Every structure is written in C-alpha cells, then in structure tokens.
Protein backbone atom coordinates (compact mmCIF):
# COMPACT_ATOMS: atom_id res chain seq x y z
CA MET A 1 115.53 110.08 78.66
CA ASP A 2 116.18 113.24 76.65
CA HIS A 3 119.65 114.79 76.53
CA SER A 4 118.94 117.70 78.88
CA ARG A 5 117.60 115.36 81.57
CA PHE A 6 120.54 113.00 81.01
CA LYS A 7 123.02 115.86 81.55
CA LYS A 8 121.17 117.08 84.62
CA LEU A 9 121.22 113.61 86.17
CA VAL A 10 124.95 113.14 85.52
CA SER A 11 125.66 116.57 87.03
CA THR A 12 123.52 115.85 90.09
CA LEU A 13 125.05 112.43 90.77
CA THR A 14 128.68 113.43 90.20
CA ALA A 15 128.19 116.42 92.52
CA LEU A 16 127.57 114.08 95.47
CA PRO A 17 130.56 113.92 97.84
CA ARG A 18 130.98 110.14 97.60
CA GLU A 19 129.51 106.91 96.31
CA THR A 20 126.61 105.53 98.33
CA GLU A 21 124.68 102.32 98.86
CA TRP A 22 122.59 103.24 95.82
CA LEU A 23 125.23 104.91 93.61
CA GLU A 24 128.42 103.58 92.05
CA PHE A 25 130.81 105.02 89.47
CA LYS A 26 132.96 102.92 87.12
CA GLU A 27 135.45 104.18 84.58
CA ASN A 28 135.25 101.18 82.28
CA TYR A 29 133.47 97.90 81.77
CA SER A 30 134.01 94.96 84.12
CA GLN A 31 132.99 91.31 83.87
CA GLU A 32 129.35 90.52 83.10
CA GLU A 33 128.81 88.77 86.43
CA GLU A 34 130.19 91.78 88.28
CA VAL A 35 127.68 94.06 86.55
CA GLY A 36 124.86 91.73 87.63
CA LYS A 37 126.08 91.75 91.23
CA LYS A 38 126.28 95.55 91.22
CA ILE A 39 122.70 95.83 89.90
CA SER A 40 121.52 93.59 92.74
CA ALA A 41 123.49 95.58 95.33
CA LEU A 42 122.33 98.98 94.09
CA ALA A 43 118.66 97.91 93.92
CA ASN A 44 118.86 96.67 97.51
CA GLY A 45 120.79 99.76 98.64
CA ALA A 46 118.20 102.07 97.08
CA CYS A 47 115.48 100.28 99.03
CA LEU A 48 117.42 100.61 102.29
CA LYS A 49 117.93 104.33 101.76
CA ASN A 50 114.35 105.01 100.60
CA LYS A 51 115.41 105.89 97.06
CA SER A 52 113.23 105.06 94.09
CA HIS A 53 116.26 103.98 92.02
CA GLY A 54 119.91 103.07 92.26
CA TYR A 55 122.43 104.20 89.65
CA LEU A 56 125.50 102.63 88.08
CA LEU A 57 127.46 105.08 85.91
CA PHE A 58 130.26 104.16 83.49
CA GLY A 59 132.74 106.76 82.28
CA ILE A 60 133.23 108.36 85.73
CA LYS A 61 136.33 108.13 87.95
CA ASP A 62 135.15 106.85 91.32
CA ASP A 63 137.56 108.95 93.40
CA LYS A 64 137.03 112.52 92.20
CA HIS A 65 133.84 111.82 90.20
CA GLU A 66 135.52 113.23 87.11
CA VAL A 67 133.81 112.53 83.79
CA VAL A 68 136.43 110.74 81.65
CA GLY A 69 134.19 108.79 79.26
CA THR A 70 134.08 105.11 78.44
CA LYS A 71 134.86 103.16 75.30
CA PHE A 72 132.40 100.29 75.48
CA SER A 73 128.66 100.13 74.81
CA LEU A 74 126.56 98.14 77.24
CA LEU A 75 123.71 98.16 74.73
CA GLY A 76 125.97 96.73 72.04
CA THR A 77 127.71 94.11 74.17
CA LYS A 78 126.83 90.42 73.96
CA LYS A 79 127.29 87.50 76.30
CA GLY A 80 127.69 84.62 73.91
CA ASN A 81 124.90 85.01 71.37
CA GLU A 82 122.68 86.95 73.79
CA GLU A 83 122.40 90.70 74.31
CA LEU A 84 124.07 91.51 77.64
CA GLN A 85 121.11 93.52 78.92
CA HIS A 86 118.78 90.55 78.33
CA TRP A 87 121.32 88.12 79.78
CA LEU A 88 121.49 90.17 82.98
CA LEU A 89 117.72 90.54 83.22
CA GLN A 90 117.19 86.77 82.95
CA ARG A 91 119.47 86.22 85.96
CA LEU A 92 117.87 88.80 88.21
CA ALA A 93 115.10 87.77 90.58
CA PRO A 94 112.74 89.52 90.59
CA ARG A 95 113.37 90.62 87.02
CA ILE A 96 113.49 94.33 87.72
CA PRO A 97 113.21 96.44 84.54
CA PHE A 98 116.47 98.37 84.77
CA GLU A 99 117.10 100.96 82.06
CA VAL A 100 120.30 101.76 80.15
CA TYR A 101 121.08 105.19 78.67
CA GLU A 102 124.20 105.93 76.62
CA GLN A 103 124.88 109.54 75.64
CA ASP A 104 127.70 112.08 75.41
CA TYR A 105 128.41 114.37 78.33
CA GLU A 106 130.88 117.18 77.59
CA ASN A 107 131.96 115.23 74.49
CA LYS A 108 132.66 112.10 76.54
CA LYS A 109 130.55 108.96 76.43
CA VAL A 110 128.72 108.17 79.69
CA ILE A 111 126.47 105.20 80.44
CA ILE A 112 123.72 105.40 83.08
CA VAL A 113 122.15 102.19 84.36
CA LYS A 114 118.98 103.22 86.20
CA ILE A 115 117.92 100.46 88.59
CA PRO A 116 114.53 100.28 90.38
CA ALA A 117 114.75 99.86 94.14
CA ALA A 118 113.99 96.41 95.55
CA ARG A 119 110.30 96.09 96.25
CA GLU A 120 108.72 93.14 98.00
CA GLN A 121 111.96 91.20 98.43
CA PRO A 122 115.72 91.70 98.00
CA VAL A 123 116.93 91.56 94.41
CA ARG A 124 119.16 88.55 93.66
CA PHE A 125 121.59 87.91 90.84
CA ALA A 126 122.29 84.26 89.99
CA ASN A 127 120.38 83.25 93.15
CA LEU A 128 122.40 85.47 95.51
CA ALA A 129 121.49 88.90 96.88
CA TYR A 130 124.15 91.60 97.21
CA ILE A 131 124.62 94.85 99.09
CA ARG A 132 127.19 97.67 99.03
CA VAL A 133 129.24 98.02 102.21
CA GLY A 134 131.39 101.12 101.85
CA SER A 135 132.66 100.94 98.28
CA ILE A 136 132.63 97.12 98.12
CA THR A 137 129.88 94.82 96.82
CA ARG A 138 129.28 92.03 99.34
CA LYS A 139 126.89 89.10 99.71
CA LEU A 140 123.80 90.14 101.62
CA ASN A 141 123.69 86.95 103.71
CA ASP A 142 127.04 87.93 105.26
CA PHE A 143 125.19 90.77 107.01
CA PRO A 144 122.08 89.28 108.67
CA ASP A 145 121.07 92.53 110.43
CA ILE A 146 121.11 94.44 107.14
CA GLU A 147 119.22 91.58 105.49
CA LYS A 148 116.45 91.76 108.11
CA GLN A 149 116.23 95.51 107.67
CA LEU A 150 116.04 95.13 103.89
CA TRP A 151 113.22 92.59 104.10
CA ARG A 152 111.24 94.98 106.32
CA LYS A 153 111.89 97.88 103.96
CA SER A 154 111.07 95.98 100.79
CA GLU A 155 107.82 94.59 102.20
CA ALA A 156 106.72 98.14 103.11
CA ASN A 157 107.65 99.53 99.69
CA THR A 158 104.19 99.45 98.15
CA PHE A 159 103.56 99.95 94.45
CA GLU A 160 101.38 103.00 94.92
CA PHE A 161 104.12 105.19 96.40
CA ARG A 162 106.99 104.22 94.17
CA ILE A 163 108.01 106.95 91.76
CA ALA A 164 106.73 106.64 88.20
CA LYS A 165 108.47 109.75 86.86
CA GLU A 166 110.79 112.23 88.56
CA GLY A 167 112.66 115.47 87.99
CA LEU A 168 109.62 117.13 86.42
CA SER A 169 108.73 120.77 86.06
CA PRO A 170 105.27 122.03 87.14
CA ASP A 171 104.28 122.27 83.47
CA GLU A 172 105.28 118.65 82.86
CA VAL A 173 103.17 117.46 85.80
CA VAL A 174 100.00 119.10 84.49
CA GLN A 175 100.79 117.88 80.97
CA LEU A 176 101.05 114.27 82.15
CA LEU A 177 98.09 114.20 84.57
CA ASP A 178 94.49 115.10 83.79
CA CYS A 179 94.09 117.62 86.58
CA GLN A 180 90.80 119.05 85.28
CA LYS A 181 89.20 115.58 85.37
CA TYR A 182 90.45 115.04 88.93
CA PHE A 183 88.61 118.12 90.18
CA ASP A 184 85.53 117.24 88.13
CA LEU A 185 85.37 113.75 89.67
CA LEU A 186 85.45 115.21 93.17
CA GLY A 187 82.95 117.94 92.30
CA ILE A 188 85.20 120.80 93.36
CA PRO A 189 86.32 123.83 91.33
CA LEU A 190 89.68 123.88 89.59
CA PRO A 191 92.03 126.33 91.40
CA SER A 192 92.81 129.45 89.41
CA MET A 193 96.53 129.18 90.13
CA ARG A 194 98.76 126.27 89.12
CA ASP A 195 100.31 126.14 92.60
CA GLY A 196 96.86 125.38 94.03
CA ILE A 197 96.51 122.42 91.66
CA LEU A 198 99.94 121.07 92.57
CA ASP A 199 99.33 121.49 96.31
CA ARG A 200 96.14 119.49 96.03
CA LEU A 201 97.95 116.67 94.19
CA ILE A 202 100.69 116.69 96.83
CA ASN A 203 98.08 116.40 99.60
CA GLU A 204 96.54 113.43 97.78
CA LYS A 205 100.04 111.85 97.63
CA PHE A 206 99.80 111.69 93.85
CA ILE A 207 102.97 113.76 93.48
CA ALA A 208 105.86 115.01 95.63
CA ARG A 209 108.19 118.02 95.48
CA ASP A 210 111.92 117.83 96.17
CA SER A 211 115.12 119.66 95.27
CA SER A 212 115.22 118.20 91.75
CA GLY A 213 111.63 119.15 90.91
CA PHE A 214 108.41 117.15 91.06
CA SER A 215 107.92 113.38 91.12
CA ILE A 216 104.72 111.56 90.14
CA PHE A 217 103.95 108.50 92.22
CA ASN A 218 102.54 105.37 90.62
CA LEU A 219 99.26 106.13 92.41
CA GLY A 220 98.89 109.46 90.65
CA ALA A 221 99.89 108.03 87.30
CA ILE A 222 97.69 104.93 87.37
CA LEU A 223 94.66 107.04 88.37
CA LEU A 224 95.11 110.29 86.43
CA ALA A 225 97.53 109.72 83.54
CA LYS A 226 96.42 111.23 80.29
CA ASP A 227 98.37 108.41 78.64
CA LEU A 228 99.91 105.52 80.58
CA ARG A 229 102.37 105.05 77.74
CA SER A 230 104.14 108.15 79.04
CA PHE A 231 105.24 106.15 82.12
CA ASN A 232 107.77 103.34 81.81
CA GLY A 233 106.44 100.16 83.36
CA LEU A 234 102.82 101.34 83.58
CA PHE A 235 101.64 101.17 79.98
CA ARG A 236 101.18 97.39 80.29
CA LYS A 237 98.75 98.03 83.16
CA ALA A 238 96.30 99.64 80.76
CA PRO A 239 93.08 97.54 80.63
CA ARG A 240 92.50 95.68 77.38
CA ILE A 241 89.17 94.58 75.87
CA ILE A 242 89.08 91.82 73.24
CA LEU A 243 85.99 90.69 71.33
CA TYR A 244 86.16 87.25 69.71
CA ASP A 245 84.09 85.70 66.97
CA GLY A 246 82.73 82.60 68.66
CA ALA A 247 83.57 80.66 71.82
CA ASP A 248 87.35 80.41 71.25
CA ARG A 249 90.28 82.73 70.54
CA MET A 250 90.74 81.74 66.91
CA ARG A 251 89.36 84.97 65.41
CA THR A 252 89.54 88.42 66.97
CA LEU A 253 86.93 90.98 65.96
CA LYS A 254 88.08 93.91 68.10
CA ASP A 255 91.07 94.58 70.32
CA GLN A 256 91.00 97.82 72.31
CA THR A 257 93.27 99.20 75.05
CA GLU A 258 92.30 102.08 77.32
CA TYR A 259 95.50 104.03 78.03
CA SER A 260 94.05 106.75 80.26
CA GLY A 261 94.31 106.50 84.05
CA TYR A 262 91.74 104.32 85.81
CA ALA A 263 89.90 107.16 87.55
CA ILE A 264 89.42 109.27 84.45
CA SER A 265 88.56 106.42 82.08
CA PHE A 266 86.53 103.97 84.20
CA GLU A 267 83.09 104.95 82.94
CA ARG A 268 84.36 104.95 79.35
CA LEU A 269 85.92 101.53 79.94
CA ILE A 270 82.61 100.10 81.18
CA GLU A 271 80.78 101.58 78.20
CA SER A 272 83.30 99.99 75.86
CA VAL A 273 82.78 96.59 77.49
CA MET A 274 79.00 96.88 77.40
CA ASP A 275 79.07 97.89 73.73
CA LYS A 276 80.73 94.58 72.89
CA LEU A 277 78.25 92.37 74.74
CA PRO A 278 75.42 90.52 72.98
CA SER A 279 71.90 91.76 73.61
CA ASN A 280 68.33 90.58 73.17
CA GLU A 281 65.45 92.61 71.76
CA GLU A 282 62.72 93.23 74.32
CA ILE A 283 59.29 94.62 73.42
CA LYS A 284 57.39 96.64 76.02
CA LYS A 285 54.26 98.60 75.16
CA ALA A 286 55.06 98.44 71.44
CA LEU A 287 58.56 99.87 72.00
CA ARG A 288 61.59 97.83 71.00
CA LYS A 289 64.55 97.92 73.35
CA ASN A 290 67.89 96.09 73.28
CA VAL A 291 68.66 94.56 76.67
CA THR A 292 72.07 93.06 77.45
CA VAL A 293 72.10 89.38 78.33
CA TYR A 294 74.61 90.10 81.13
CA PRO A 295 73.87 92.24 84.21
CA PRO A 296 75.63 95.62 83.80
CA LEU A 297 76.17 95.97 87.54
CA ALA A 298 77.97 92.61 87.67
CA ILE A 299 80.24 93.66 84.80
CA ARG A 300 81.00 96.93 86.55
CA GLU A 301 81.88 95.25 89.84
CA LEU A 302 84.11 92.60 88.26
CA VAL A 303 86.01 95.12 86.13
CA ALA A 304 86.51 97.37 89.18
CA ASN A 305 87.80 94.38 91.15
CA ALA A 306 90.23 93.50 88.37
CA LEU A 307 91.70 97.01 88.47
CA ILE A 308 91.83 97.34 92.25
CA HIS A 309 93.02 93.89 93.29
CA GLN A 310 95.66 93.27 90.64
CA ASP A 311 99.26 92.61 91.61
CA PHE A 312 101.20 95.46 90.01
CA ASN A 313 104.45 93.61 90.62
CA GLU A 314 103.55 91.13 87.87
CA TYR A 315 105.42 92.70 84.96
CA GLY A 316 104.34 92.62 81.35
CA THR A 317 100.62 92.05 81.88
CA GLY A 318 97.53 94.00 82.87
CA PRO A 319 93.76 93.71 83.39
CA MET A 320 91.93 92.10 80.48
CA VAL A 321 88.29 91.64 79.49
CA GLU A 322 87.65 88.95 76.87
CA VAL A 323 84.19 88.69 75.33
CA PHE A 324 83.18 85.38 73.74
CA SER A 325 79.87 84.30 72.26
CA ASP A 326 78.98 82.31 75.40
CA ARG A 327 80.89 84.00 78.23
CA ILE A 328 82.97 86.94 79.48
CA GLU A 329 86.36 86.42 81.10
CA ILE A 330 87.73 89.23 83.28
CA ALA A 331 91.31 88.70 84.43
CA ASN A 332 93.86 90.62 86.46
CA PRO A 333 97.56 89.98 87.14
CA GLY A 334 98.49 88.17 90.34
CA GLN A 335 96.96 85.66 92.69
CA PRO A 336 94.34 86.85 95.19
CA ILE A 337 95.17 87.47 98.84
CA ILE A 338 92.13 85.45 99.95
CA THR A 339 90.79 82.16 98.60
CA PRO A 340 88.10 82.45 95.88
CA ASP A 341 85.65 80.52 98.08
CA ARG A 342 85.63 83.53 100.40
CA PHE A 343 85.32 86.30 97.81
CA ILE A 344 81.70 86.90 98.77
CA ASP A 345 82.27 87.52 102.49
CA GLU A 346 85.90 88.61 102.87
CA TYR A 347 87.67 91.73 101.63
CA GLN A 348 91.34 92.61 101.59
CA SER A 349 92.99 94.92 99.09
CA ARG A 350 96.67 94.87 98.23
CA ASN A 351 96.33 98.42 96.84
CA ASP A 352 94.66 100.35 99.66
CA ALA A 353 95.31 103.89 98.43
CA LEU A 354 94.09 103.04 94.93
CA ALA A 355 90.94 101.42 96.31
CA ALA A 356 90.31 104.35 98.69
CA PHE A 357 90.32 106.94 95.90
CA LEU A 358 88.15 104.84 93.60
CA ARG A 359 85.68 104.49 96.47
CA ARG A 360 85.59 108.28 96.83
CA ILE A 361 84.56 108.72 93.21
CA GLY A 362 81.98 105.92 93.32
CA VAL A 363 83.75 103.20 91.36
CA CYS A 364 83.52 100.78 94.29
CA GLU A 365 81.98 100.75 97.76
CA GLU A 366 83.58 101.26 101.17
CA LYS A 367 82.94 97.70 102.33
CA GLY A 368 83.01 94.38 100.54
CA SER A 369 84.42 93.29 97.22
CA GLY A 370 81.16 93.62 95.33
CA ILE A 371 81.03 89.88 94.65
CA ASP A 372 77.79 89.64 96.64
CA LYS A 373 76.30 92.11 94.13
CA VAL A 374 77.64 90.02 91.27
CA ILE A 375 76.04 86.82 92.61
CA PHE A 376 72.75 88.62 93.25
CA GLN A 377 72.63 90.02 89.71
CA VAL A 378 73.53 86.64 88.23
CA GLU A 379 70.59 85.08 90.06
CA VAL A 380 68.23 87.85 88.91
CA PHE A 381 69.31 87.29 85.30
CA GLN A 382 69.02 83.50 85.76
CA LEU A 383 72.59 82.88 84.59
CA PRO A 384 74.87 80.00 85.56
CA ALA A 385 77.00 80.70 88.63
CA PRO A 386 80.23 82.52 87.79
CA VAL A 387 83.60 80.79 88.09
CA PHE A 388 86.61 82.26 89.87
CA LEU A 389 89.91 80.76 88.76
CA VAL A 390 93.40 81.28 90.15
CA GLY A 391 96.32 80.67 87.81
CA GLU A 392 100.05 80.90 88.41
CA LYS A 393 100.16 84.56 87.36
CA HIS A 394 96.56 85.76 87.25
CA THR A 395 93.06 85.65 88.74
CA LYS A 396 90.06 85.29 86.46
CA ALA A 397 86.30 85.71 86.84
CA ILE A 398 84.07 84.09 84.22
CA LEU A 399 80.45 85.10 83.60
CA PHE A 400 78.45 82.70 81.46
CA GLY A 401 75.60 83.42 79.11
CA PHE A 402 72.11 82.13 79.78
CA LYS A 403 71.57 78.39 80.13
CA LYS A 404 68.37 76.56 80.88
CA PHE A 405 68.45 74.57 84.11
CA GLN A 406 68.43 71.34 82.07
CA GLU A 407 71.60 72.50 80.27
CA MET A 408 73.57 73.08 83.48
CA ASP A 409 75.86 70.23 84.47
CA ARG A 410 76.39 68.92 88.00
CA GLU A 411 79.29 71.29 88.73
CA ASP A 412 77.26 74.29 87.51
CA ARG A 413 74.46 73.39 89.94
CA ILE A 414 76.77 72.75 92.91
CA ARG A 415 78.58 76.02 92.33
CA ALA A 416 75.27 77.89 92.14
CA CYS A 417 74.07 76.22 95.33
CA TYR A 418 77.22 77.21 97.25
CA GLN A 419 77.15 80.81 96.01
CA HIS A 420 73.43 81.10 96.77
CA CYS A 421 74.09 79.81 100.30
CA CYS A 422 76.88 82.39 100.76
CA LEU A 423 74.67 85.18 99.46
CA LYS A 424 71.89 84.28 101.87
CA TYR A 425 74.33 84.09 104.79
CA VAL A 426 75.91 87.52 104.19
CA SER A 427 72.34 88.90 103.90
CA ASN A 428 71.57 87.51 107.40
CA GLN A 429 69.33 84.79 105.95
CA LYS A 430 69.63 81.03 105.50
CA MET A 431 69.40 78.89 102.40
CA ALA A 432 66.62 76.34 102.22
CA ASN A 433 65.14 74.07 99.56
CA GLU A 434 62.58 76.77 98.84
CA THR A 435 65.11 79.58 98.33
CA LEU A 436 67.25 77.43 96.02
CA ARG A 437 64.13 76.45 94.03
CA ASP A 438 63.45 80.13 93.54
CA ARG A 439 67.05 80.71 92.42
CA PHE A 440 66.66 78.05 89.70
CA LYS A 441 62.97 78.88 89.05
CA ILE A 442 61.94 75.28 89.78
CA GLU A 443 58.36 74.50 90.78
CA ALA A 444 57.61 73.17 94.28
CA LYS A 445 56.50 69.81 92.88
CA ASN A 446 60.07 69.25 91.70
CA SER A 447 61.68 69.98 95.06
CA ALA A 448 63.40 66.58 95.00
CA ILE A 449 65.66 67.86 92.20
CA VAL A 450 66.82 70.69 94.44
CA SER A 451 67.27 68.29 97.37
CA ARG A 452 69.72 66.30 95.25
CA ILE A 453 71.68 69.46 94.42
CA ILE A 454 71.86 70.35 98.11
CA GLY A 455 72.96 66.80 98.88
CA ASP A 456 75.72 66.96 96.27
CA THR A 457 76.91 70.29 97.68
CA LEU A 458 76.92 68.87 101.21
CA LYS A 459 79.06 65.94 100.03
CA LYS A 460 81.53 68.39 98.49
CA GLY A 461 81.89 70.01 101.90
CA LEU A 462 80.87 73.46 100.63
CA ILE A 463 77.81 73.87 102.85
CA LYS A 464 76.59 72.42 106.14
CA ASP A 465 73.36 72.06 108.12
CA GLU A 466 72.57 75.06 110.26
CA ASP A 467 71.14 72.65 112.86
CA PRO A 468 72.78 69.21 112.54
CA GLY A 469 70.29 67.82 115.10
CA ASN A 470 67.27 68.60 112.91
CA VAL A 471 65.95 65.34 111.45
CA SER A 472 63.37 67.04 109.24
CA ARG A 473 64.76 67.69 105.76
CA LYS A 474 61.63 69.63 104.76
CA TYR A 475 62.50 72.61 106.93
CA ALA A 476 66.28 72.23 106.94
CA LYS A 477 68.40 75.34 106.51
CA TYR A 478 71.99 75.52 105.36
CA ILE A 479 75.00 77.77 105.84
CA PRO A 480 78.43 77.94 104.15
CA TYR A 481 81.13 75.55 105.41
CA TRP A 482 83.14 78.48 106.83
CA ALA A 483 80.25 79.99 108.83
C-alpha cells in the first residue's frame, strides 16, 4: 500500500462516528492472544456487514478517533522465536492472509491490520470464533443467532464477488484490466469514452463504484488482469506449465507461469502446453507433418476444467500442467464437488460466474464438463484411459501416452471399459462386446479377451447388465452402475 492510499484509508476510517463490527482502534499493543481474537472478530464482523475487509488500527484513541501514534512494531515483534504475524496466522482457521502496514501519519506511527472478511465459514483463533458486540470482543458461540447468521453469510460469500483491489481511480482500473481484449473477445467495438468502458465492466460485475472510488472484484481480476501479480492473493492462481526430462520430477527442462487473466490468455496457455508435448512425424502425400501424440481437444478441455472448477479458497497453490515423457498431469486446487466416477455425466461448478463468461467466449460449453469429449478423443487416439485422482488439497487428471493393448495392465483395461460404457450411455447407446472390441481395436476372433475385461469390470461393480434376465452373453449390453 503506497503512502497516499495509506493516508486516505486512515482518514476515511477515523472519520467514521464510532467503531463497528468490522473496525477497531487501539492506542497501543495488547497481548498476542488478544490480537488474534480481534482478527477473528473483525473478519467475522466484516462478513456480517457485507464488507470485504475488517480493520484493526494501532495508534488511534478509540473514543475520539484521534491519531496519537504507537511505539511498537507489529512487524518487528516476536512471540518466542517466531515472528508474531506468522504466529497469529498459524492459529487462525482458515488461515486468512491478513496484511500489516506500518507508516507515519501526520508524523505519528500508525499500524493498519487489513483483515479479509470470513468466507465459507467463521474465522477462528485457537479453535474459537469471536465477534464484536458493541466495543467488546466476545465468543461467537455465546450468540447462537448471530452465529447462524454468520454461517449463512459466509457460505454465500463466493470468491468471484470478493474485492481484489479497492479505492481505485478510473485510470487505475483500465491500467490493471485488459479492457481492449475484453471487447475483442466479445466481438464488440471498444467505446470511445472511458465511462462507457467502465459502465460495461460494472454491468458484467467485474468492477463496482462506490464513494471511495472503484473496486475490482476477483471475477474481473482473474479473467482480465494484465498481470495477476498486481493483485494480492491472486498471483498464485496463475496457471503453471512444467516440462520434465523423463518420467519423474528429477530434472526440469522448462517452468513457465502465465500471469495474465484466464480469459485473455487461455489460447496462449493452450499453445504453450501443446508446444511442450511430444509429437510424431506423419507422412501424407510426400509431405511431412508433426502430429501430437495427445489429442489437442482433450488437453483443451482438461485445462479449461482445471481453471473453472478449482477451489480458490485453497491458498498458496494454483492450476498446474506437468508434462512428462509418458504422461501429462493437469491439476487444480481443491477437491471436486462430485465424485470422479461421475465426471462424464454430471456437471456442477463452484465458480458459476467464471464458468458463464468463459462459456460466452468459447472456452467451454454450456452443458457438461467436457469429460465426455476427453474420453472420446482418448479412444480415437487409442490411448490408455485417463485417471482422475482426488488428493487432500487438489484434483488431478492424468493423460497417458500411447500403449499397445498388450502393455495395458488389468486396471488400465477395467478403467477403459468403465469409461467406454459411460461414454456410450451419455450418447444414448449401450456398450457391448463389439463396441469395446472396437475401442481396443481387437479382432472379432479374440472377443473372449474383451469378455474377460467386461467380466472384471462387472466384478468391480462399475458396470451392470442392461437386461439382467438375458442369458445370452453374445448380445448382452451394459450400462454404468449409476444408470
């Protein structure tokens, strides 16, 4: 925060008639635990009052809001051998990234602690949540009605419409966001007047105007930022592409991060990924042509899914594409809302506004997650079935390079059988021995091999007979277990 903005914020806050649920003044430092409780209370109060942040100011008299200055430095204070700011952060749940600014105001030292509002749950300190009642910090569980209201508020406080940057001038908005690219993507002319540009961004809910100037919502920043590093908390959401030498992570050949907003950089991001993929030389009519060994459409869909379906509340991590000699791993922060077994037929986005805009510019489609396209392309390219993994903090899709049928293990074949059955079902068809033979490019005389794969998949409970009463295996058809 530069000095002029610091001074403006102090002036604005001290001009308020009294402290609030999201604002507290302190003249001097109090005990470490008390600071932690106040951070919890102010984060929860900001959520209740629909504020993007709460504020704790040191160096201000709390009665007349007079700036008197403070003698201590929160940034220079330690709790034992640990920096106080880090000590506090470790005891907050969730670990909200509060910011500390220490500057002079009218030749007196003032400290501003800027605290993000509670998001999907109340903020706790040392396992207890707090709230401000009048001018007193109290335990939240002593006020069950307020606690219920806070849970409702925090659950509705979606990432997309939290404020990424506030108190901006019109010039700063157009400097931070690529407005020209926005109009280009939608195929409409750029307004001749700046006010026309800003009005359009307001209508899109990318920005908002209030008495202190303009605010940019996370939605506007994550889609249109010229540089995500200009927004605290969002730069780690920039997609990263890593190329490795071999099948492990021992040696990195290239490591690239795309810091522009998703909407303005998506095509460039896909090109960067495709440039790092291995290719085979194909000869057609005496012309040599390099053809990627992975289906471009599948890569596009999986990268789009990683951007759209990530959990933005997972701090310190972002979408990542890792390219190995034998596979591609595409990961995004957070666990999925639906089980991976249902990726092909179910769709639910945790970031609806983000997904809606990316649909408008053709990054993804109106319906479906695109996984059906991925499975279809994998079958066309005769690749092993992809794997979808859910970790504690991330979701990962893995595309494998080409393997001959004889090189696929039992799990590879069962997974391919299940995904093929799902693909047929969502296409209003049914899987049979014949269709699975075609998927694996196995001759009819070897149909017994495919029958064993179907049998193994039945035993795993992933598919079932369409007609359990049919005693003829020759003409049997199969559907997914959930159908």
